[in-house]
N, C-alpha and C. Protein backbone atom coordinates (compact mmCIF):
# COMPACT_ATOMS: atom_id res chain seq x y z
N MET A 1 -32.17 10.24 -19.75
CA MET A 1 -31.71 9.31 -18.74
C MET A 1 -31.24 8.03 -19.41
N LYS A 2 -30.14 7.48 -18.96
CA LYS A 2 -29.56 6.26 -19.52
C LYS A 2 -30.47 5.05 -19.23
N LYS A 3 -30.66 4.21 -20.23
CA LYS A 3 -31.46 2.99 -20.10
C LYS A 3 -30.75 1.99 -19.17
N LEU A 4 -31.49 1.39 -18.29
CA LEU A 4 -30.91 0.38 -17.39
C LEU A 4 -30.68 -0.90 -18.17
N SER A 5 -29.49 -1.45 -18.04
CA SER A 5 -29.12 -2.63 -18.83
C SER A 5 -29.74 -3.93 -18.33
N HIS A 6 -30.12 -4.00 -17.09
CA HIS A 6 -30.67 -5.24 -16.53
C HIS A 6 -32.19 -5.23 -16.39
N VAL A 7 -32.82 -4.37 -17.21
CA VAL A 7 -34.28 -4.26 -17.20
C VAL A 7 -34.74 -4.43 -18.65
N ASP A 8 -35.71 -5.30 -18.89
CA ASP A 8 -36.20 -5.48 -20.26
C ASP A 8 -37.23 -4.39 -20.60
N LYS A 9 -37.80 -4.46 -21.82
CA LYS A 9 -38.73 -3.41 -22.28
C LYS A 9 -40.00 -3.33 -21.43
N ASN A 10 -40.28 -4.39 -20.65
CA ASN A 10 -41.44 -4.41 -19.79
C ASN A 10 -41.12 -4.06 -18.34
N GLY A 11 -39.86 -3.68 -18.08
CA GLY A 11 -39.47 -3.30 -16.76
C GLY A 11 -39.13 -4.47 -15.85
N LYS A 12 -38.94 -5.62 -16.41
CA LYS A 12 -38.62 -6.83 -15.63
C LYS A 12 -37.12 -7.09 -15.61
N ALA A 13 -36.68 -7.76 -14.57
CA ALA A 13 -35.25 -8.11 -14.47
C ALA A 13 -34.82 -8.94 -15.68
N ASN A 14 -33.62 -8.67 -16.13
CA ASN A 14 -33.13 -9.29 -17.37
C ASN A 14 -31.61 -9.42 -17.30
N MET A 15 -31.11 -10.61 -17.56
CA MET A 15 -29.64 -10.78 -17.64
C MET A 15 -29.19 -10.29 -19.02
N VAL A 16 -28.22 -9.43 -19.03
CA VAL A 16 -27.70 -8.86 -20.27
C VAL A 16 -26.98 -9.96 -21.09
N ASP A 17 -27.19 -9.95 -22.40
CA ASP A 17 -26.52 -10.87 -23.28
C ASP A 17 -25.20 -10.18 -23.71
N VAL A 18 -24.08 -10.78 -23.33
CA VAL A 18 -22.76 -10.18 -23.59
C VAL A 18 -22.01 -10.89 -24.74
N ILE A 19 -22.69 -11.71 -25.49
CA ILE A 19 -22.03 -12.51 -26.53
C ILE A 19 -21.30 -11.68 -27.57
N ASP A 20 -21.81 -10.50 -27.89
CA ASP A 20 -21.21 -9.66 -28.94
C ASP A 20 -20.18 -8.68 -28.41
N LYS A 21 -19.96 -8.65 -27.13
CA LYS A 21 -18.96 -7.73 -26.54
C LYS A 21 -17.55 -8.29 -26.75
N LYS A 22 -16.60 -7.39 -26.88
CA LYS A 22 -15.20 -7.77 -27.09
C LYS A 22 -14.50 -7.96 -25.73
N LYS A 23 -13.64 -8.95 -25.68
CA LYS A 23 -12.82 -9.17 -24.48
C LYS A 23 -11.87 -8.02 -24.28
N SER A 24 -11.63 -7.68 -23.04
CA SER A 24 -10.59 -6.72 -22.72
C SER A 24 -10.09 -7.03 -21.32
N ILE A 25 -8.89 -6.57 -21.03
CA ILE A 25 -8.35 -6.76 -19.69
C ILE A 25 -9.06 -5.72 -18.81
N ARG A 26 -9.64 -6.22 -17.72
CA ARG A 26 -10.41 -5.38 -16.81
C ARG A 26 -9.87 -5.59 -15.40
N ILE A 27 -9.70 -4.48 -14.73
CA ILE A 27 -9.17 -4.48 -13.36
C ILE A 27 -10.08 -3.62 -12.50
N ALA A 28 -10.32 -4.07 -11.28
CA ALA A 28 -11.11 -3.28 -10.34
C ALA A 28 -10.49 -3.38 -8.97
N GLU A 29 -10.56 -2.28 -8.23
CA GLU A 29 -10.09 -2.23 -6.86
C GLU A 29 -11.22 -1.70 -6.00
N ALA A 30 -11.41 -2.35 -4.85
CA ALA A 30 -12.49 -1.94 -3.93
C ALA A 30 -11.92 -1.82 -2.52
N PHE A 31 -12.72 -1.21 -1.66
CA PHE A 31 -12.29 -0.89 -0.30
C PHE A 31 -13.43 -1.13 0.66
N ALA A 32 -13.10 -1.63 1.84
CA ALA A 32 -14.06 -1.70 2.96
C ALA A 32 -13.33 -1.32 4.21
N GLU A 33 -14.03 -0.67 5.11
CA GLU A 33 -13.44 -0.29 6.39
C GLU A 33 -14.31 -0.79 7.54
N VAL A 34 -13.67 -1.38 8.54
CA VAL A 34 -14.36 -1.91 9.70
C VAL A 34 -13.82 -1.19 10.93
N SER A 35 -14.69 -0.52 11.67
CA SER A 35 -14.29 0.18 12.90
C SER A 35 -14.58 -0.71 14.10
N VAL A 36 -13.63 -0.71 15.03
CA VAL A 36 -13.77 -1.55 16.22
C VAL A 36 -13.36 -0.75 17.45
N SER A 37 -13.68 -1.26 18.63
CA SER A 37 -13.28 -0.63 19.86
C SER A 37 -11.75 -0.71 20.04
N ASN A 38 -11.26 0.10 20.94
CA ASN A 38 -9.82 0.11 21.25
C ASN A 38 -9.38 -1.25 21.76
N GLU A 39 -10.19 -1.84 22.68
CA GLU A 39 -9.86 -3.16 23.22
C GLU A 39 -9.78 -4.21 22.12
N LEU A 40 -10.75 -4.24 21.24
CA LEU A 40 -10.76 -5.21 20.16
C LEU A 40 -9.62 -4.96 19.18
N PHE A 41 -9.37 -3.70 18.86
CA PHE A 41 -8.25 -3.39 17.95
C PHE A 41 -6.93 -3.94 18.48
N ASN A 42 -6.69 -3.80 19.77
CA ASN A 42 -5.47 -4.31 20.37
C ASN A 42 -5.39 -5.85 20.31
N LYS A 43 -6.53 -6.49 20.50
CA LYS A 43 -6.56 -7.97 20.39
C LYS A 43 -6.23 -8.39 18.95
N ILE A 44 -6.78 -7.68 17.98
CA ILE A 44 -6.50 -7.97 16.58
C ILE A 44 -5.02 -7.76 16.29
N LYS A 45 -4.52 -6.59 16.70
CA LYS A 45 -3.13 -6.23 16.45
C LYS A 45 -2.15 -7.28 17.07
N ASN A 46 -2.49 -7.76 18.21
CA ASN A 46 -1.61 -8.71 18.92
C ASN A 46 -1.96 -10.17 18.60
N ASN A 47 -2.88 -10.38 17.64
CA ASN A 47 -3.32 -11.73 17.23
C ASN A 47 -3.77 -12.56 18.45
N GLU A 48 -4.64 -11.97 19.24
CA GLU A 48 -5.13 -12.60 20.46
C GLU A 48 -6.61 -13.00 20.41
N LEU A 49 -7.15 -13.10 19.19
CA LEU A 49 -8.55 -13.50 19.08
C LEU A 49 -8.72 -14.99 19.29
N GLU A 50 -9.78 -15.35 19.98
CA GLU A 50 -10.11 -16.71 20.28
C GLU A 50 -10.23 -17.56 18.99
N LYS A 51 -10.80 -16.97 17.94
CA LYS A 51 -11.04 -17.70 16.70
C LYS A 51 -9.80 -17.81 15.81
N GLY A 52 -8.70 -17.21 16.20
CA GLY A 52 -7.46 -17.39 15.44
C GLY A 52 -7.01 -16.15 14.68
N ASP A 53 -6.24 -16.39 13.66
CA ASP A 53 -5.57 -15.34 12.87
C ASP A 53 -6.60 -14.62 11.95
N LEU A 54 -7.04 -13.47 12.44
CA LEU A 54 -8.07 -12.72 11.73
C LEU A 54 -7.59 -12.27 10.34
N LEU A 55 -6.44 -11.70 10.24
CA LEU A 55 -6.00 -11.09 8.99
C LEU A 55 -5.88 -12.13 7.86
N THR A 56 -5.31 -13.29 8.18
CA THR A 56 -5.18 -14.34 7.14
C THR A 56 -6.56 -14.92 6.81
N THR A 57 -7.37 -15.15 7.80
CA THR A 57 -8.71 -15.72 7.57
C THR A 57 -9.57 -14.77 6.71
N ALA A 58 -9.55 -13.47 7.04
CA ALA A 58 -10.33 -12.51 6.29
C ALA A 58 -9.85 -12.37 4.84
N LYS A 59 -8.52 -12.45 4.66
CA LYS A 59 -7.94 -12.40 3.30
C LYS A 59 -8.45 -13.59 2.46
N ILE A 60 -8.37 -14.78 3.02
CA ILE A 60 -8.81 -15.97 2.30
C ILE A 60 -10.31 -15.90 2.03
N ALA A 61 -11.08 -15.49 3.02
CA ALA A 61 -12.52 -15.35 2.83
C ALA A 61 -12.84 -14.37 1.72
N GLY A 62 -12.09 -13.25 1.67
CA GLY A 62 -12.33 -12.25 0.63
C GLY A 62 -12.04 -12.82 -0.76
N ILE A 63 -10.98 -13.57 -0.87
CA ILE A 63 -10.65 -14.19 -2.16
C ILE A 63 -11.73 -15.18 -2.55
N GLN A 64 -12.16 -16.03 -1.63
CA GLN A 64 -13.22 -17.00 -1.90
C GLN A 64 -14.53 -16.31 -2.27
N GLY A 65 -14.84 -15.23 -1.54
CA GLY A 65 -16.07 -14.50 -1.80
C GLY A 65 -16.11 -13.91 -3.20
N GLY A 66 -14.97 -13.34 -3.63
CA GLY A 66 -14.88 -12.76 -4.94
C GLY A 66 -15.12 -13.78 -6.04
N LYS A 67 -14.61 -15.00 -5.81
CA LYS A 67 -14.75 -16.09 -6.77
C LYS A 67 -16.20 -16.57 -6.84
N LYS A 68 -17.00 -16.31 -5.83
CA LYS A 68 -18.42 -16.78 -5.81
C LYS A 68 -19.41 -15.70 -6.20
N THR A 69 -18.93 -14.58 -6.67
CA THR A 69 -19.83 -13.41 -6.93
C THR A 69 -21.04 -13.76 -7.77
N SER A 70 -20.84 -14.47 -8.85
CA SER A 70 -21.98 -14.76 -9.75
C SER A 70 -23.02 -15.67 -9.09
N GLU A 71 -22.62 -16.36 -8.03
CA GLU A 71 -23.59 -17.18 -7.31
C GLU A 71 -24.38 -16.36 -6.28
N LEU A 72 -23.83 -15.21 -5.91
CA LEU A 72 -24.44 -14.39 -4.86
C LEU A 72 -25.24 -13.20 -5.37
N ILE A 73 -24.83 -12.63 -6.49
CA ILE A 73 -25.48 -11.43 -7.02
C ILE A 73 -26.33 -11.83 -8.23
N PRO A 74 -27.64 -11.61 -8.15
CA PRO A 74 -28.51 -11.99 -9.27
C PRO A 74 -28.11 -11.28 -10.56
N LEU A 75 -28.19 -11.96 -11.64
CA LEU A 75 -27.92 -11.45 -13.00
C LEU A 75 -26.47 -11.13 -13.26
N CYS A 76 -25.58 -11.45 -12.32
CA CYS A 76 -24.14 -11.21 -12.49
C CYS A 76 -23.54 -12.37 -13.29
N HIS A 77 -22.75 -12.08 -14.34
CA HIS A 77 -22.22 -13.13 -15.17
C HIS A 77 -21.10 -13.87 -14.45
N ASN A 78 -20.98 -15.14 -14.72
CA ASN A 78 -19.87 -15.96 -14.26
C ASN A 78 -18.74 -15.72 -15.26
N ILE A 79 -17.64 -15.14 -14.73
CA ILE A 79 -16.53 -14.81 -15.63
C ILE A 79 -15.25 -15.49 -15.13
N PHE A 80 -14.28 -15.60 -16.05
CA PHE A 80 -12.98 -16.11 -15.68
C PHE A 80 -12.28 -15.05 -14.90
N ILE A 81 -11.78 -15.37 -13.73
CA ILE A 81 -11.04 -14.44 -12.90
C ILE A 81 -9.58 -14.83 -12.90
N SER A 82 -8.72 -13.96 -13.38
CA SER A 82 -7.32 -14.30 -13.43
C SER A 82 -6.60 -13.99 -12.12
N LYS A 83 -7.15 -13.05 -11.33
CA LYS A 83 -6.47 -12.69 -10.07
C LYS A 83 -7.46 -12.03 -9.13
N ILE A 84 -7.43 -12.42 -7.88
CA ILE A 84 -8.07 -11.68 -6.79
C ILE A 84 -7.04 -11.64 -5.67
N ASP A 85 -6.87 -10.44 -5.11
CA ASP A 85 -5.98 -10.32 -3.95
C ASP A 85 -6.65 -9.41 -2.94
N VAL A 86 -6.40 -9.65 -1.70
CA VAL A 86 -6.96 -8.84 -0.59
C VAL A 86 -5.78 -8.47 0.31
N ASN A 87 -5.65 -7.16 0.54
CA ASN A 87 -4.67 -6.67 1.49
C ASN A 87 -5.41 -5.99 2.64
N ILE A 88 -4.98 -6.33 3.84
CA ILE A 88 -5.66 -5.78 5.03
C ILE A 88 -4.63 -4.99 5.86
N LYS A 89 -5.01 -3.76 6.20
CA LYS A 89 -4.12 -2.93 6.97
C LYS A 89 -4.84 -2.49 8.26
N LEU A 90 -4.07 -2.39 9.32
CA LEU A 90 -4.60 -1.90 10.58
C LEU A 90 -4.30 -0.41 10.69
N ASN A 91 -5.39 0.39 10.93
CA ASN A 91 -5.21 1.83 11.06
C ASN A 91 -5.40 2.16 12.56
N GLU A 92 -4.29 2.36 13.23
CA GLU A 92 -4.30 2.61 14.67
C GLU A 92 -5.00 3.93 15.01
N LYS A 93 -4.84 4.95 14.20
CA LYS A 93 -5.44 6.25 14.49
C LYS A 93 -6.95 6.18 14.52
N LYS A 94 -7.53 5.28 13.70
CA LYS A 94 -9.00 5.18 13.58
C LYS A 94 -9.55 3.95 14.27
N ASN A 95 -8.71 3.08 14.85
CA ASN A 95 -9.14 1.77 15.36
C ASN A 95 -9.96 1.08 14.27
N ALA A 96 -9.35 0.96 13.08
CA ALA A 96 -10.06 0.42 11.92
C ALA A 96 -9.21 -0.60 11.19
N ILE A 97 -9.95 -1.55 10.60
CA ILE A 97 -9.32 -2.53 9.70
C ILE A 97 -9.70 -2.08 8.31
N GLU A 98 -8.68 -1.79 7.48
CA GLU A 98 -8.88 -1.34 6.12
C GLU A 98 -8.63 -2.51 5.16
N ILE A 99 -9.60 -2.74 4.34
CA ILE A 99 -9.55 -3.91 3.42
C ILE A 99 -9.48 -3.37 1.99
N TYR A 100 -8.46 -3.79 1.27
CA TYR A 100 -8.28 -3.41 -0.15
C TYR A 100 -8.35 -4.68 -0.98
N SER A 101 -9.23 -4.68 -1.95
CA SER A 101 -9.42 -5.84 -2.82
C SER A 101 -9.05 -5.47 -4.25
N PHE A 102 -8.41 -6.40 -4.93
CA PHE A 102 -7.95 -6.22 -6.30
C PHE A 102 -8.48 -7.41 -7.11
N ALA A 103 -9.09 -7.16 -8.25
CA ALA A 103 -9.59 -8.26 -9.10
C ALA A 103 -9.27 -7.95 -10.55
N LYS A 104 -8.94 -9.02 -11.31
CA LYS A 104 -8.54 -8.85 -12.72
C LYS A 104 -9.07 -9.97 -13.57
N THR A 105 -9.45 -9.62 -14.79
CA THR A 105 -9.93 -10.60 -15.77
C THR A 105 -9.60 -10.13 -17.17
N ASN A 106 -9.70 -11.05 -18.11
CA ASN A 106 -9.71 -10.71 -19.53
C ASN A 106 -11.02 -11.30 -20.03
N SER A 107 -12.04 -10.47 -20.04
CA SER A 107 -13.37 -10.96 -20.28
C SER A 107 -14.20 -9.93 -21.05
N VAL A 108 -15.45 -10.32 -21.31
CA VAL A 108 -16.37 -9.43 -22.04
C VAL A 108 -17.24 -8.57 -21.12
N THR A 109 -17.09 -8.78 -19.84
CA THR A 109 -17.85 -7.98 -18.87
C THR A 109 -17.00 -7.67 -17.67
N GLY A 110 -17.39 -6.65 -16.91
CA GLY A 110 -16.55 -6.13 -15.84
C GLY A 110 -16.30 -7.00 -14.65
N ILE A 111 -15.38 -6.55 -13.80
CA ILE A 111 -15.00 -7.30 -12.62
C ILE A 111 -15.18 -6.49 -11.32
N GLU A 112 -15.91 -5.38 -11.45
CA GLU A 112 -16.17 -4.55 -10.27
C GLU A 112 -16.91 -5.31 -9.16
N MET A 113 -17.90 -6.08 -9.57
CA MET A 113 -18.70 -6.78 -8.53
C MET A 113 -17.86 -7.80 -7.78
N GLU A 114 -16.90 -8.42 -8.45
CA GLU A 114 -16.00 -9.35 -7.79
C GLU A 114 -15.12 -8.65 -6.77
N ALA A 115 -14.61 -7.49 -7.13
CA ALA A 115 -13.77 -6.74 -6.18
C ALA A 115 -14.61 -6.25 -5.00
N LEU A 116 -15.80 -5.77 -5.25
CA LEU A 116 -16.67 -5.30 -4.16
C LEU A 116 -17.14 -6.46 -3.27
N THR A 117 -17.46 -7.59 -3.88
CA THR A 117 -17.88 -8.75 -3.08
C THR A 117 -16.71 -9.25 -2.23
N SER A 118 -15.52 -9.26 -2.81
CA SER A 118 -14.33 -9.68 -2.10
C SER A 118 -14.12 -8.80 -0.83
N ALA A 119 -14.17 -7.49 -0.99
CA ALA A 119 -14.02 -6.60 0.15
C ALA A 119 -15.12 -6.77 1.17
N SER A 120 -16.33 -6.99 0.69
CA SER A 120 -17.51 -7.16 1.58
C SER A 120 -17.40 -8.41 2.42
N ILE A 121 -17.02 -9.51 1.79
CA ILE A 121 -16.92 -10.78 2.52
C ILE A 121 -15.75 -10.74 3.49
N ALA A 122 -14.67 -10.08 3.15
CA ALA A 122 -13.55 -9.93 4.09
C ALA A 122 -14.02 -9.14 5.31
N ALA A 123 -14.79 -8.05 5.08
CA ALA A 123 -15.29 -7.23 6.17
C ALA A 123 -16.27 -8.03 7.05
N LEU A 124 -17.15 -8.80 6.44
CA LEU A 124 -18.06 -9.62 7.21
C LEU A 124 -17.31 -10.70 8.03
N THR A 125 -16.23 -11.17 7.47
CA THR A 125 -15.39 -12.16 8.21
C THR A 125 -14.76 -11.52 9.44
N VAL A 126 -14.32 -10.28 9.31
CA VAL A 126 -13.79 -9.53 10.45
C VAL A 126 -14.88 -9.49 11.54
N TYR A 127 -16.10 -9.10 11.17
CA TYR A 127 -17.19 -9.07 12.13
C TYR A 127 -17.41 -10.42 12.77
N ASP A 128 -17.51 -11.46 11.96
CA ASP A 128 -17.78 -12.81 12.48
C ASP A 128 -16.70 -13.26 13.47
N MET A 129 -15.47 -12.99 13.17
CA MET A 129 -14.40 -13.49 14.04
C MET A 129 -14.25 -12.66 15.29
N CYS A 130 -14.83 -11.45 15.31
CA CYS A 130 -14.63 -10.55 16.45
C CYS A 130 -15.87 -10.37 17.32
N LYS A 131 -17.02 -10.85 16.84
CA LYS A 131 -18.28 -10.55 17.51
C LYS A 131 -18.37 -11.07 18.97
N THR A 132 -17.58 -12.10 19.29
CA THR A 132 -17.61 -12.60 20.66
C THR A 132 -16.95 -11.63 21.64
N VAL A 133 -16.04 -10.80 21.15
CA VAL A 133 -15.35 -9.84 21.97
C VAL A 133 -16.16 -8.56 22.12
N ASP A 134 -16.78 -8.12 21.00
CA ASP A 134 -17.51 -6.84 20.99
C ASP A 134 -18.46 -6.82 19.79
N LYS A 135 -19.72 -6.60 20.06
CA LYS A 135 -20.72 -6.59 18.97
C LYS A 135 -20.94 -5.16 18.39
N SER A 136 -20.23 -4.17 18.88
CA SER A 136 -20.40 -2.81 18.39
C SER A 136 -19.56 -2.52 17.15
N ILE A 137 -19.09 -3.52 16.50
CA ILE A 137 -18.29 -3.40 15.27
C ILE A 137 -19.14 -2.75 14.19
N VAL A 138 -18.51 -1.82 13.42
CA VAL A 138 -19.26 -1.15 12.36
C VAL A 138 -18.51 -1.31 11.06
N ILE A 139 -19.20 -1.79 10.05
CA ILE A 139 -18.66 -1.79 8.70
C ILE A 139 -19.08 -0.46 8.09
N ASN A 140 -18.11 0.48 8.03
CA ASN A 140 -18.40 1.87 7.68
C ASN A 140 -18.73 2.07 6.22
N GLU A 141 -17.92 1.52 5.35
CA GLU A 141 -18.14 1.79 3.93
C GLU A 141 -17.54 0.67 3.09
N ILE A 142 -18.19 0.45 2.00
CA ILE A 142 -17.67 -0.46 0.99
C ILE A 142 -17.81 0.34 -0.32
N LYS A 143 -16.68 0.47 -1.04
CA LYS A 143 -16.78 1.30 -2.23
C LYS A 143 -15.76 0.81 -3.31
N LEU A 144 -16.11 1.15 -4.55
CA LEU A 144 -15.22 0.91 -5.65
C LEU A 144 -14.20 2.05 -5.69
N LEU A 145 -12.93 1.69 -5.72
CA LEU A 145 -11.88 2.70 -5.77
C LEU A 145 -11.50 3.01 -7.23
N SER A 146 -11.46 1.96 -8.07
CA SER A 146 -11.09 2.18 -9.46
C SER A 146 -11.50 0.98 -10.31
N LYS A 147 -11.62 1.27 -11.61
CA LYS A 147 -11.85 0.20 -12.61
C LYS A 147 -11.27 0.63 -13.93
N THR A 148 -10.78 -0.34 -14.68
CA THR A 148 -10.28 -0.08 -16.02
C THR A 148 -10.84 -1.15 -16.96
N GLY A 149 -10.87 -0.80 -18.22
CA GLY A 149 -11.29 -1.79 -19.24
C GLY A 149 -12.78 -1.66 -19.56
N GLY A 150 -13.13 -2.22 -20.70
CA GLY A 150 -14.52 -2.24 -21.11
C GLY A 150 -14.99 -0.97 -21.80
N LYS A 151 -16.21 -1.02 -22.29
CA LYS A 151 -16.81 0.06 -23.06
C LYS A 151 -16.96 1.35 -22.25
N SER A 152 -17.25 1.21 -20.96
CA SER A 152 -17.47 2.42 -20.15
C SER A 152 -16.15 3.08 -19.72
N GLY A 153 -15.02 2.48 -20.02
CA GLY A 153 -13.75 3.09 -19.74
C GLY A 153 -13.29 3.00 -18.32
N SER A 154 -12.45 3.93 -17.92
CA SER A 154 -11.84 3.92 -16.61
C SER A 154 -12.61 4.76 -15.60
N TYR A 155 -12.48 4.40 -14.34
CA TYR A 155 -13.08 5.15 -13.24
C TYR A 155 -12.09 5.12 -12.09
N LYS A 156 -11.91 6.25 -11.44
CA LYS A 156 -11.07 6.33 -10.25
C LYS A 156 -11.74 7.29 -9.30
N ILE A 157 -11.90 6.83 -8.05
CA ILE A 157 -12.58 7.67 -7.07
C ILE A 157 -11.84 8.96 -6.82
């Protein structure tokens, strides 16, 4: 079994020392899906929410969330982020808001957590802005779609 990198020899939480790792360009893409009722989906589609423009607000929240990852996730390194982008699509067939997050760095450690945090915060923002209309909103999944760079190589779902 592979040794866990964030656990010391005594089994205690430990921040990994990355000083000897080489910089590389690292890219990660993540996804979150939020399911809503038909009534709420139509309000979102027609930009009729009381709290304002959901899609723009969730995009900005996702970008801000990705930038704050090291403050939110214990033992996560603070890294230089060269790019975070969030694209939000409405899926009428599923009454769902699909959130795609992209994050990029040239660093010694990965950027997956930033992409995942970005998608998560955007999804939570969707919930927050819509909860006055309907509280039955479901954040179905948050997942890593792909990553490149670093010692562990590439991953694609």
